[in-house]
Amino acid sequence: MRKLGLAFLLMFVVCTVHAQFSDSTHYYFKYGSTGSVNKTQDGASYLLNNGLTFKVSKKNIVLNADMGYIFGKQDDARTNSDFSASLNFNLYPGEERRFYYWG
């Protein structure tokens, strides 16, 4: 009974862990794609979600770029076609990281 309870608990507990850049990692690239397809006797629909992330971490600059695209279609009619993007960077002048510029 304990094993069943533990398995049930683990199914609903999701943790995401993000680590900081190590000294040897300067570039990070991630692509993720998910979607769903639903076919019935009356029609069909699908949804596609794409995400792209690129990060650079160097001594004097940190750059983060994120992009996403969602596409959906139901019964040959487009329901979603959304694109989003963001870019941010930190500049660290000099040797110390006390002050930084963000743009």
PDB file of N, CA and C in Angstrom:
ATOM      1  N   MET A   1       0.812  -1.186   0.000  1.00  0.00           N
ATOM      2  CA  MET A   1       0.000   0.000   0.000  1.00  0.00           C
ATOM      3  C   MET A   1       0.866   1.266   0.000  1.00  0.00           C
ATOM      4  N   ARG A   2       1.996   1.224   0.706  1.00  0.00           N
ATOM      5  CA  ARG A   2       2.895   2.376   0.730  1.00  0.00           C
ATOM      6  C   ARG A   2       3.481   2.649  -0.646  1.00  0.00           C
ATOM      7  N   LYS A   3       3.826   1.596  -1.379  1.00  0.00           N
ATOM      8  CA  LYS A   3       4.381   1.768  -2.716  1.00  0.00           C
ATOM      9  C   LYS A   3       3.371   2.418  -3.648  1.00  0.00           C
ATOM     10  N   LEU A   4       2.117   2.029  -3.530  1.00  0.00           N
ATOM     11  CA  LEU A   4       1.073   2.621  -4.361  1.00  0.00           C
ATOM     12  C   LEU A   4       0.887   4.096  -4.024  1.00  0.00           C
ATOM     13  N   GLY A   5       0.900   4.426  -2.744  1.00  0.00           N
ATOM     14  CA  GLY A   5       0.778   5.826  -2.327  1.00  0.00           C
ATOM     15  C   GLY A   5       1.953   6.659  -2.797  1.00  0.00           C
ATOM     16  N   LEU A   6       3.178   6.108  -2.703  1.00  0.00           N
ATOM     17  CA  LEU A   6       4.365   6.815  -3.164  1.00  0.00           C
ATOM     18  C   LEU A   6       4.324   7.007  -4.674  1.00  0.00           C
ATOM     19  N   ALA A   7       3.918   5.990  -5.414  1.00  0.00           N
ATOM     20  CA  ALA A   7       3.817   6.114  -6.872  1.00  0.00           C
ATOM     21  C   ALA A   7       2.782   7.161  -7.248  1.00  0.00           C
ATOM     22  N   PHE A   8       1.668   7.198  -6.545  1.00  0.00           N
ATOM     23  CA  PHE A   8       0.625   8.183  -6.807  1.00  0.00           C
ATOM     24  C   PHE A   8       1.133   9.590  -6.523  1.00  0.00           C
ATOM     25  N   LEU A   9       1.873   9.768  -5.439  1.00  0.00           N
ATOM     26  CA  LEU A   9       2.429  11.066  -5.089  1.00  0.00           C
ATOM     27  C   LEU A   9       3.454  11.532  -6.126  1.00  0.00           C
ATOM     28  N   LEU A  10       4.319  10.645  -6.583  1.00  0.00           N
ATOM     29  CA  LEU A  10       5.341  11.009  -7.558  1.00  0.00           C
ATOM     30  C   LEU A  10       4.748  11.366  -8.919  1.00  0.00           C
ATOM     31  N   MET A  11       3.579  10.828  -9.231  1.00  0.00           N
ATOM     32  CA  MET A  11       2.943  11.153 -10.505  1.00  0.00           C
ATOM     33  C   MET A  11       2.502  12.609 -10.553  1.00  0.00           C
ATOM     34  N   PHE A  12       2.198  13.201  -9.415  1.00  0.00           N
ATOM     35  CA  PHE A  12       1.666  14.556  -9.388  1.00  0.00           C
ATOM     36  C   PHE A  12       2.658  15.595  -8.877  1.00  0.00           C
ATOM     37  N   VAL A  13       3.829  15.186  -8.510  1.00  0.00           N
ATOM     38  CA  VAL A  13       4.847  16.111  -8.052  1.00  0.00           C
ATOM     39  C   VAL A  13       5.882  16.257  -9.159  1.00  0.00           C
ATOM     40  N   VAL A  14       5.992  17.460  -9.674  1.00  0.00           N
ATOM     41  CA  VAL A  14       6.946  17.729 -10.747  1.00  0.00           C
ATOM     42  C   VAL A  14       7.840  18.867 -10.283  1.00  0.00           C
ATOM     43  N   CYS A  15       9.124  18.650 -10.311  1.00  0.00           N
ATOM     44  CA  CYS A  15      10.080  19.673  -9.909  1.00  0.00           C
ATOM     45  C   CYS A  15      11.018  19.947 -11.070  1.00  0.00           C
ATOM     46  N   THR A  16      11.275  21.202 -11.308  1.00  0.00           N
ATOM     47  CA  THR A  16      12.230  21.592 -12.331  1.00  0.00           C
ATOM     48  C   THR A  16      13.422  22.215 -11.636  1.00  0.00           C
ATOM     49  N   VAL A  17      14.597  21.755 -11.972  1.00  0.00           N
ATOM     50  CA  VAL A  17      15.817  22.248 -11.357  1.00  0.00           C
ATOM     51  C   VAL A  17      16.671  22.879 -12.437  1.00  0.00           C
ATOM     52  N   HIS A  18      17.119  24.100 -12.186  1.00  0.00           N
ATOM     53  CA  HIS A  18      17.996  24.805 -13.111  1.00  0.00           C
ATOM     54  C   HIS A  18      19.301  25.110 -12.392  1.00  0.00           C
ATOM     55  N   ALA A  19      20.392  24.792 -13.006  1.00  0.00           N
ATOM     56  CA  ALA A  19      21.695  25.057 -12.411  1.00  0.00           C
ATOM     57  C   ALA A  19      22.299  26.308 -13.031  1.00  0.00           C
ATOM     58  N   GLN A  20      23.211  26.903 -12.323  1.00  0.00           N
ATOM     59  CA  GLN A  20      23.916  28.046 -12.865  1.00  0.00           C
ATOM     60  C   GLN A  20      24.972  27.559 -13.838  1.00  0.00           C
ATOM     61  N   PHE A  21      25.470  28.492 -14.639  1.00  0.00           N
ATOM     62  CA  PHE A  21      26.535  28.148 -15.563  1.00  0.00           C
ATOM     63  C   PHE A  21      27.786  27.762 -14.773  1.00  0.00           C
ATOM     64  N   SER A  22      28.463  26.745 -15.228  1.00  0.00           N
ATOM     65  CA  SER A  22      29.745  26.417 -14.620  1.00  0.00           C
ATOM     66  C   SER A  22      30.825  27.268 -15.287  1.00  0.00           C
ATOM     67  N   ASP A  23      32.036  27.165 -14.803  1.00  0.00           N
ATOM     68  CA  ASP A  23      33.122  27.969 -15.361  1.00  0.00           C
ATOM     69  C   ASP A  23      33.484  27.552 -16.780  1.00  0.00           C
ATOM     70  N   SER A  24      33.201  26.313 -17.155  1.00  0.00           N
ATOM     71  CA  SER A  24      33.597  25.847 -18.477  1.00  0.00           C
ATOM     72  C   SER A  24      32.462  25.926 -19.506  1.00  0.00           C
ATOM     73  N   THR A  25      31.222  26.146 -19.084  1.00  0.00           N
ATOM     74  CA  THR A  25      30.102  26.232 -20.013  1.00  0.00           C
ATOM     75  C   THR A  25      29.834  27.691 -20.344  1.00  0.00           C
ATOM     76  N   HIS A  26      29.931  28.037 -21.630  1.00  0.00           N
ATOM     77  CA  HIS A  26      29.709  29.412 -22.050  1.00  0.00           C
ATOM     78  C   HIS A  26      28.491  29.546 -22.957  1.00  0.00           C
ATOM     79  N   TYR A  27      28.078  28.477 -23.613  1.00  0.00           N
ATOM     80  CA  TYR A  27      26.953  28.532 -24.537  1.00  0.00           C
ATOM     81  C   TYR A  27      25.949  27.445 -24.158  1.00  0.00           C
ATOM     82  N   TYR A  28      24.660  27.789 -24.237  1.00  0.00           N
ATOM     83  CA  TYR A  28      23.606  26.847 -23.876  1.00  0.00           C
ATOM     84  C   TYR A  28      22.509  26.974 -24.927  1.00  0.00           C
ATOM     85  N   PHE A  29      22.086  25.848 -25.465  1.00  0.00           N
ATOM     86  CA  PHE A  29      21.060  25.813 -26.501  1.00  0.00           C
ATOM     87  C   PHE A  29      20.035  24.765 -26.126  1.00  0.00           C
ATOM     88  N   LYS A  30      18.747  25.119 -26.200  1.00  0.00           N
ATOM     89  CA  LYS A  30      17.692  24.172 -25.861  1.00  0.00           C
ATOM     90  C   LYS A  30      16.531  24.353 -26.831  1.00  0.00           C
ATOM     91  N   TYR A  31      16.007  23.233 -27.317  1.00  0.00           N
ATOM     92  CA  TYR A  31      14.823  23.243 -28.172  1.00  0.00           C
ATOM     93  C   TYR A  31      13.832  22.241 -27.621  1.00  0.00           C
ATOM     94  N   GLY A  32      12.595  22.648 -27.520  1.00  0.00           N
ATOM     95  CA  GLY A  32      11.553  21.754 -27.042  1.00  0.00           C
ATOM     96  C   GLY A  32      10.322  21.872 -27.917  1.00  0.00           C
ATOM     97  N   SER A  33       9.713  20.751 -28.190  1.00  0.00           N
ATOM     98  CA  SER A  33       8.512  20.743 -29.014  1.00  0.00           C
ATOM     99  C   SER A  33       7.513  19.764 -28.422  1.00  0.00           C
ATOM    100  N   THR A  34       6.291  20.229 -28.248  1.00  0.00           N
ATOM    101  CA  THR A  34       5.214  19.378 -27.767  1.00  0.00           C
ATOM    102  C   THR A  34       3.996  19.605 -28.636  1.00  0.00           C
ATOM    103  N   GLY A  35       3.063  18.733 -28.525  1.00  0.00           N
ATOM    104  CA  GLY A  35       1.850  18.902 -29.308  1.00  0.00           C
ATOM    105  C   GLY A  35       0.811  17.874 -28.946  1.00  0.00           C
ATOM    106  N   SER A  36      -0.367  18.059 -29.521  1.00  0.00           N
ATOM    107  CA  SER A  36      -1.443  17.102 -29.316  1.00  0.00           C
ATOM    108  C   SER A  36      -2.222  16.944 -30.611  1.00  0.00           C
ATOM    109  N   VAL A  37      -2.667  15.722 -30.845  1.00  0.00           N
ATOM    110  CA  VAL A  37      -3.468  15.395 -32.025  1.00  0.00           C
ATOM    111  C   VAL A  37      -4.740  14.733 -31.538  1.00  0.00           C
ATOM    112  N   ASN A  38      -5.870  15.197 -32.041  1.00  0.00           N
ATOM    113  CA  ASN A  38      -7.151  14.655 -31.637  1.00  0.00           C
ATOM    114  C   ASN A  38      -7.971  14.378 -32.895  1.00  0.00           C
ATOM    115  N   LYS A  39      -8.267  13.116 -33.131  1.00  0.00           N
ATOM    116  CA  LYS A  39      -9.078  12.742 -34.288  1.00  0.00           C
ATOM    117  C   LYS A  39     -10.336  12.031 -33.805  1.00  0.00           C
ATOM    118  N   THR A  40     -11.479  12.502 -34.264  1.00  0.00           N
ATOM    119  CA  THR A  40     -12.758  11.885 -33.952  1.00  0.00           C
ATOM    120  C   THR A  40     -13.509  11.646 -35.255  1.00  0.00           C
ATOM    121  N   GLN A  41     -14.696  11.094 -35.151  1.00  0.00           N
ATOM    122  CA  GLN A  41     -15.510  10.873 -36.344  1.00  0.00           C
ATOM    123  C   GLN A  41     -15.984  12.201 -36.937  1.00  0.00           C
ATOM    124  N   ASP A  42     -16.143  13.200 -36.087  1.00  0.00           N
ATOM    125  CA  ASP A  42     -16.657  14.488 -36.551  1.00  0.00           C
ATOM    126  C   ASP A  42     -15.589  15.408 -37.114  1.00  0.00           C
ATOM    127  N   GLY A  43     -14.333  15.234 -36.728  1.00  0.00           N
ATOM    128  CA  GLY A  43     -13.286  16.130 -37.205  1.00  0.00           C
ATOM    129  C   GLY A  43     -11.952  15.809 -36.581  1.00  0.00           C
ATOM    130  N   ALA A  44     -11.008  16.694 -36.839  1.00  0.00           N
ATOM    131  CA  ALA A  44      -9.650  16.517 -36.320  1.00  0.00           C
ATOM    132  C   ALA A  44      -9.100  17.872 -35.897  1.00  0.00           C
ATOM    133  N   SER A  45      -8.229  17.841 -34.893  1.00  0.00           N
ATOM    134  CA  SER A  45      -7.572  19.063 -34.448  1.00  0.00           C
ATOM    135  C   SER A  45      -6.177  18.706 -33.955  1.00  0.00           C
ATOM    136  N   TYR A  46      -5.298  19.684 -34.057  1.00  0.00           N
ATOM    137  CA  TYR A  46      -3.969  19.496 -33.491  1.00  0.00           C
ATOM    138  C   TYR A  46      -3.396  20.831 -33.059  1.00  0.00           C
ATOM    139  N   LEU A  47      -2.466  20.759 -32.125  1.00  0.00           N
ATOM    140  CA  LEU A  47      -1.801  21.924 -31.572  1.00  0.00           C
ATOM    141  C   LEU A  47      -0.313  21.608 -31.453  1.00  0.00           C
ATOM    142  N   LEU A  48       0.522  22.493 -31.943  1.00  0.00           N
ATOM    143  CA  LEU A  48       1.975  22.310 -31.920  1.00  0.00           C
ATOM    144  C   LEU A  48       2.596  23.494 -31.193  1.00  0.00           C
ATOM    145  N   ASN A  49       3.454  23.214 -30.215  1.00  0.00           N
ATOM    146  CA  ASN A  49       4.090  24.237 -29.400  1.00  0.00           C
ATOM    147  C   ASN A  49       5.600  24.031 -29.482  1.00  0.00           C
ATOM    148  N   ASN A  50       6.328  25.020 -29.990  1.00  0.00           N
ATOM    149  CA  ASN A  50       7.785  24.955 -30.131  1.00  0.00           C
ATOM    150  C   ASN A  50       8.429  26.027 -29.275  1.00  0.00           C
ATOM    151  N   GLY A  51       9.552  25.694 -28.669  1.00  0.00           N
ATOM    152  CA  GLY A  51      10.304  26.656 -27.872  1.00  0.00           C
ATOM    153  C   GLY A  51      11.791  26.529 -28.129  1.00  0.00           C
ATOM    154  N   LEU A  52      12.470  27.671 -28.229  1.00  0.00           N
ATOM    155  CA  LEU A  52      13.899  27.701 -28.508  1.00  0.00           C
ATOM    156  C   LEU A  52      14.556  28.676 -27.541  1.00  0.00           C
ATOM    157  N   THR A  53      15.651  28.247 -26.915  1.00  0.00           N
ATOM    158  CA  THR A  53      16.374  29.073 -25.958  1.00  0.00           C
ATOM    159  C   THR A  53      17.859  29.047 -26.298  1.00  0.00           C
ATOM    160  N   PHE A  54      18.477  30.216 -26.252  1.00  0.00           N
ATOM    161  CA  PHE A  54      19.924  30.319 -26.460  1.00  0.00           C
ATOM    162  C   PHE A  54      20.474  31.254 -25.393  1.00  0.00           C
ATOM    163  N   LYS A  55      21.540  30.809 -24.705  1.00  0.00           N
ATOM    164  CA  LYS A  55      22.139  31.601 -23.638  1.00  0.00           C
ATOM    165  C   LYS A  55      23.654  31.616 -23.794  1.00  0.00           C
ATOM    166  N   VAL A  56      24.236  32.746 -23.486  1.00  0.00           N
ATOM    167  CA  VAL A  56      25.690  32.907 -23.508  1.00  0.00           C
ATOM    168  C   VAL A  56      26.100  33.491 -22.162  1.00  0.00           C
ATOM    169  N   SER A  57      27.104  32.906 -21.552  1.00  0.00           N
ATOM    170  CA  SER A  57      27.624  33.416 -20.290  1.00  0.00           C
ATOM    171  C   SER A  57      29.139  33.518 -20.393  1.00  0.00           C
ATOM    172  N   LYS A  58      29.613  34.735 -20.438  1.00  0.00           N
ATOM    173  CA  LYS A  58      31.060  34.994 -20.488  1.00  0.00           C
ATOM    174  C   LYS A  58      31.418  35.902 -19.319  1.00  0.00           C
ATOM    175  N   LYS A  59      32.660  36.298 -19.250  1.00  0.00           N
ATOM    176  CA  LYS A  59      33.127  37.094 -18.116  1.00  0.00           C
ATOM    177  C   LYS A  59      32.443  38.467 -18.062  1.00  0.00           C
ATOM    178  N   ASN A  60      32.268  39.118 -19.200  1.00  0.00           N
ATOM    179  CA  ASN A  60      31.749  40.481 -19.210  1.00  0.00           C
ATOM    180  C   ASN A  60      30.316  40.610 -19.725  1.00  0.00           C
ATOM    181  N   ILE A  61      29.689  39.521 -20.157  1.00  0.00           N
ATOM    182  CA  ILE A  61      28.341  39.618 -20.719  1.00  0.00           C
ATOM    183  C   ILE A  61      27.566  38.331 -20.459  1.00  0.00           C
ATOM    184  N   VAL A  62      26.278  38.478 -20.231  1.00  0.00           N
ATOM    185  CA  VAL A  62      25.343  37.356 -20.173  1.00  0.00           C
ATOM    186  C   VAL A  62      24.187  37.704 -21.109  1.00  0.00           C
ATOM    187  N   LEU A  63      23.881  36.819 -22.050  1.00  0.00           N
ATOM    188  CA  LEU A  63      22.838  37.059 -23.032  1.00  0.00           C
ATOM    189  C   LEU A  63      21.832  35.918 -22.987  1.00  0.00           C
ATOM    190  N   ASN A  64      20.545  36.255 -22.988  1.00  0.00           N
ATOM    191  CA  ASN A  64      19.466  35.276 -22.981  1.00  0.00           C
ATOM    192  C   ASN A  64      18.504  35.596 -24.119  1.00  0.00           C
ATOM    193  N   ALA A  65      18.236  34.620 -24.969  1.00  0.00           N
ATOM    194  CA  ALA A  65      17.282  34.775 -26.066  1.00  0.00           C
ATOM    195  C   ALA A  65      16.284  33.615 -25.999  1.00  0.00           C
ATOM    196  N   ASP A  66      14.999  33.940 -25.996  1.00  0.00           N
ATOM    197  CA  ASP A  66      13.937  32.943 -25.935  1.00  0.00           C
ATOM    198  C   ASP A  66      12.944  33.205 -27.056  1.00  0.00           C
ATOM    199  N   MET A  67      12.519  32.141 -27.716  1.00  0.00           N
ATOM    200  CA  MET A  67      11.535  32.249 -28.786  1.00  0.00           C
ATOM    201  C   MET A  67      10.511  31.136 -28.646  1.00  0.00           C
ATOM    202  N   GLY A  68       9.290  31.413 -29.022  1.00  0.00           N
ATOM    203  CA  GLY A  68       8.244  30.405 -28.971  1.00  0.00           C
ATOM    204  C   GLY A  68       7.277  30.564 -30.127  1.00  0.00           C
ATOM    205  N   TYR A  69       6.723  29.451 -30.590  1.00  0.00           N
ATOM    206  CA  TYR A  69       5.748  29.471 -31.683  1.00  0.00           C
ATOM    207  C   TYR A  69       4.675  28.428 -31.394  1.00  0.00           C
ATOM    208  N   ILE A  70       3.433  28.840 -31.462  1.00  0.00           N
ATOM    209  CA  ILE A  70       2.297  27.949 -31.246  1.00  0.00           C
ATOM    210  C   ILE A  70       1.462  27.943 -32.521  1.00  0.00           C
ATOM    211  N   PHE A  71       1.158  26.744 -32.998  1.00  0.00           N
ATOM    212  CA  PHE A  71       0.332  26.603 -34.201  1.00  0.00           C
ATOM    213  C   PHE A  71      -0.771  25.604 -33.912  1.00  0.00           C
ATOM    214  N   GLY A  72      -1.987  25.964 -34.270  1.00  0.00           N
ATOM    215  CA  GLY A  72      -3.119  25.078 -34.058  1.00  0.00           C
ATOM    216  C   GLY A  72      -4.056  25.078 -35.245  1.00  0.00           C
ATOM    217  N   LYS A  73      -4.701  23.953 -35.455  1.00  0.00           N
ATOM    218  CA  LYS A  73      -5.624  23.809 -36.571  1.00  0.00           C
ATOM    219  C   LYS A  73      -6.769  22.901 -36.137  1.00  0.00           C
ATOM    220  N   GLN A  74      -7.983  23.273 -36.522  1.00  0.00           N
ATOM    221  CA  GLN A  74      -9.144  22.450 -36.222  1.00  0.00           C
ATOM    222  C   GLN A  74     -10.054  22.427 -37.440  1.00  0.00           C
ATOM    223  N   ASP A  75     -10.303  21.235 -37.934  1.00  0.00           N
ATOM    224  CA  ASP A  75     -11.163  21.035 -39.111  1.00  0.00           C
ATOM    225  C   ASP A  75     -10.750  21.939 -40.278  1.00  0.00           C
ATOM    226  N   ASP A  76      -9.494  21.902 -40.626  1.00  0.00           N
ATOM    227  CA  ASP A  76      -8.913  22.661 -41.744  1.00  0.00           C
ATOM    228  C   ASP A  76      -8.999  24.176 -41.574  1.00  0.00           C
ATOM    229  N   ALA A  77      -9.246  24.655 -40.385  1.00  0.00           N
ATOM    230  CA  ALA A  77      -9.251  26.088 -40.089  1.00  0.00           C
ATOM    231  C   ALA A  77      -8.172  26.367 -39.042  1.00  0.00           C
ATOM    232  N   ARG A  78      -7.329  27.338 -39.326  1.00  0.00           N
ATOM    233  CA  ARG A  78      -6.251  27.669 -38.402  1.00  0.00           C
ATOM    234  C   ARG A  78      -6.820  28.383 -37.178  1.00  0.00           C
ATOM    235  N   THR A  79      -6.467  27.897 -35.991  1.00  0.00           N
ATOM    236  CA  THR A  79      -6.945  28.493 -34.746  1.00  0.00           C
ATOM    237  C   THR A  79      -5.855  29.260 -34.013  1.00  0.00           C
ATOM    238  N   ASN A  80      -4.606  28.864 -34.157  1.00  0.00           N
ATOM    239  CA  ASN A  80      -3.490  29.536 -33.496  1.00  0.00           C
ATOM    240  C   ASN A  80      -2.343  29.670 -34.482  1.00  0.00           C
ATOM    241  N   SER A  81      -1.702  30.798 -34.445  1.00  0.00           N
ATOM    242  CA  SER A  81      -0.440  31.017 -35.141  1.00  0.00           C
ATOM    243  C   SER A  81       0.250  32.178 -34.429  1.00  0.00           C
ATOM    244  N   ASP A  82       0.804  31.887 -33.261  1.00  0.00           N
ATOM    245  CA  ASP A  82       1.346  32.918 -32.390  1.00  0.00           C
ATOM    246  C   ASP A  82       2.849  32.752 -32.243  1.00  0.00           C
ATOM    247  N   PHE A  83       3.566  33.861 -32.312  1.00  0.00           N
ATOM    248  CA  PHE A  83       5.020  33.882 -32.179  1.00  0.00           C
ATOM    249  C   PHE A  83       5.382  34.862 -31.078  1.00  0.00           C
ATOM    250  N   SER A  84       6.319  34.471 -30.233  1.00  0.00           N
ATOM    251  CA  SER A  84       6.815  35.380 -29.197  1.00  0.00           C
ATOM    252  C   SER A  84       8.328  35.242 -29.096  1.00  0.00           C
ATOM    253  N   ALA A  85       8.978  36.341 -28.749  1.00  0.00           N
ATOM    254  CA  ALA A  85      10.438  36.331 -28.615  1.00  0.00           C
ATOM    255  C   ALA A  85      10.859  37.364 -27.579  1.00  0.00           C
ATOM    256  N   SER A  86      11.955  37.076 -26.907  1.00  0.00           N
ATOM    257  CA  SER A  86      12.515  38.035 -25.958  1.00  0.00           C
ATOM    258  C   SER A  86      14.031  37.925 -25.981  1.00  0.00           C
ATOM    259  N   LEU A  87      14.666  39.033 -25.680  1.00  0.00           N
ATOM    260  CA  LEU A  87      16.125  39.096 -25.643  1.00  0.00           C
ATOM    261  C   LEU A  87      16.510  40.010 -24.498  1.00  0.00           C
ATOM    262  N   ASN A  88      17.422  39.547 -23.655  1.00  0.00           N
ATOM    263  CA  ASN A  88      17.959  40.417 -22.615  1.00  0.00           C
ATOM    264  C   ASN A  88      19.424  40.086 -22.421  1.00  0.00           C
ATOM    265  N   PHE A  89      20.156  41.078 -21.972  1.00  0.00           N
ATOM    266  CA  PHE A  89      21.584  40.866 -21.749  1.00  0.00           C
ATOM    267  C   PHE A  89      22.046  41.741 -20.593  1.00  0.00           C
ATOM    268  N   ASN A  90      23.077  41.272 -19.926  1.00  0.00           N
ATOM    269  CA  ASN A  90      23.715  42.009 -18.843  1.00  0.00           C
ATOM    270  C   ASN A  90      25.148  42.288 -19.254  1.00  0.00           C
ATOM    271  N   LEU A  91      25.576  43.519 -19.080  1.00  0.00           N
ATOM    272  CA  LEU A  91      26.962  43.904 -19.334  1.00  0.00           C
ATOM    273  C   LEU A  91      27.627  44.198 -18.001  1.00  0.00           C
ATOM    274  N   TYR A  92      28.785  43.615 -17.802  1.00  0.00           N
ATOM    275  CA  TYR A  92      29.529  43.810 -16.564  1.00  0.00           C
ATOM    276  C   TYR A  92      30.835  44.535 -16.887  1.00  0.00           C
ATOM    277  N   PRO A  93      30.886  45.846 -16.725  1.00  0.00           N
ATOM    278  CA  PRO A  93      32.124  46.569 -17.025  1.00  0.00           C
ATOM    279  C   PRO A  93      33.137  46.394 -15.894  1.00  0.00           C
ATOM    280  N   GLY A  94      34.382  46.341 -16.238  1.00  0.00           N
ATOM    281  CA  GLY A  94      35.431  46.251 -15.231  1.00  0.00           C
ATOM    282  C   GLY A  94      35.568  44.853 -14.661  1.00  0.00           C
ATOM    283  N   GLU A  95      36.305  44.752 -13.597  1.00  0.00           N
ATOM    284  CA  GLU A  95      36.595  43.460 -12.994  1.00  0.00           C
ATOM    285  C   GLU A  95      35.506  43.005 -12.021  1.00  0.00           C
ATOM    286  N   GLU A  96      34.833  43.934 -11.375  1.00  0.00           N
ATOM    287  CA  GLU A  96      33.860  43.577 -10.357  1.00  0.00           C
ATOM    288  C   GLU A  96      32.456  43.518 -10.944  1.00  0.00           C
ATOM    289  N   ARG A  97      31.629  42.628 -10.394  1.00  0.00           N
ATOM    290  CA  ARG A  97      30.256  42.479 -10.867  1.00  0.00           C
ATOM    291  C   ARG A  97      29.260  43.143  -9.913  1.00  0.00           C
ATOM    292  N   ARG A  98      29.665  44.226  -9.283  1.00  0.00           N
ATOM    293  CA  ARG A  98      28.755  44.895  -8.363  1.00  0.00           C
ATOM    294  C   ARG A  98      27.663  45.652  -9.120  1.00  0.00           C
ATOM    295  N   PHE A  99      28.049  46.349 -10.150  1.00  0.00           N
ATOM    296  CA  PHE A  99      27.114  47.139 -10.941  1.00  0.00           C
ATOM    297  C   PHE A  99      27.020  46.524 -12.351  1.00  0.00           C
ATOM    298  N   TYR A 100      25.836  46.560 -12.909  1.00  0.00           N
ATOM    299  CA  TYR A 100      25.685  46.047 -14.257  1.00  0.00           C
ATOM    300  C   TYR A 100      24.653  46.873 -15.005  1.00  0.00           C
ATOM    301  N   TYR A 101      24.759  46.848 -16.306  1.00  0.00           N
ATOM    302  CA  TYR A 101      23.805  47.500 -17.193  1.00  0.00           C
ATOM    303  C   TYR A 101      22.907  46.438 -17.786  1.00  0.00           C
ATOM    304  N   TRP A 102      21.652  46.737 -17.865  1.00  0.00           N
ATOM    305  CA  TRP A 102      20.720  45.774 -18.430  1.00  0.00           C
ATOM    306  C   TRP A 102      19.995  46.427 -19.578  1.00  0.00           C
ATOM    307  N   GLY A 103      19.891  45.714 -20.669  1.00  0.00           N
ATOM    308  CA  GLY A 103      19.213  46.292 -21.836  1.00  0.00           C
ATOM    309  C   GLY A 103      18.431  45.252 -22.583  1.00  0.00           C
TER     310      GLY A 103
END
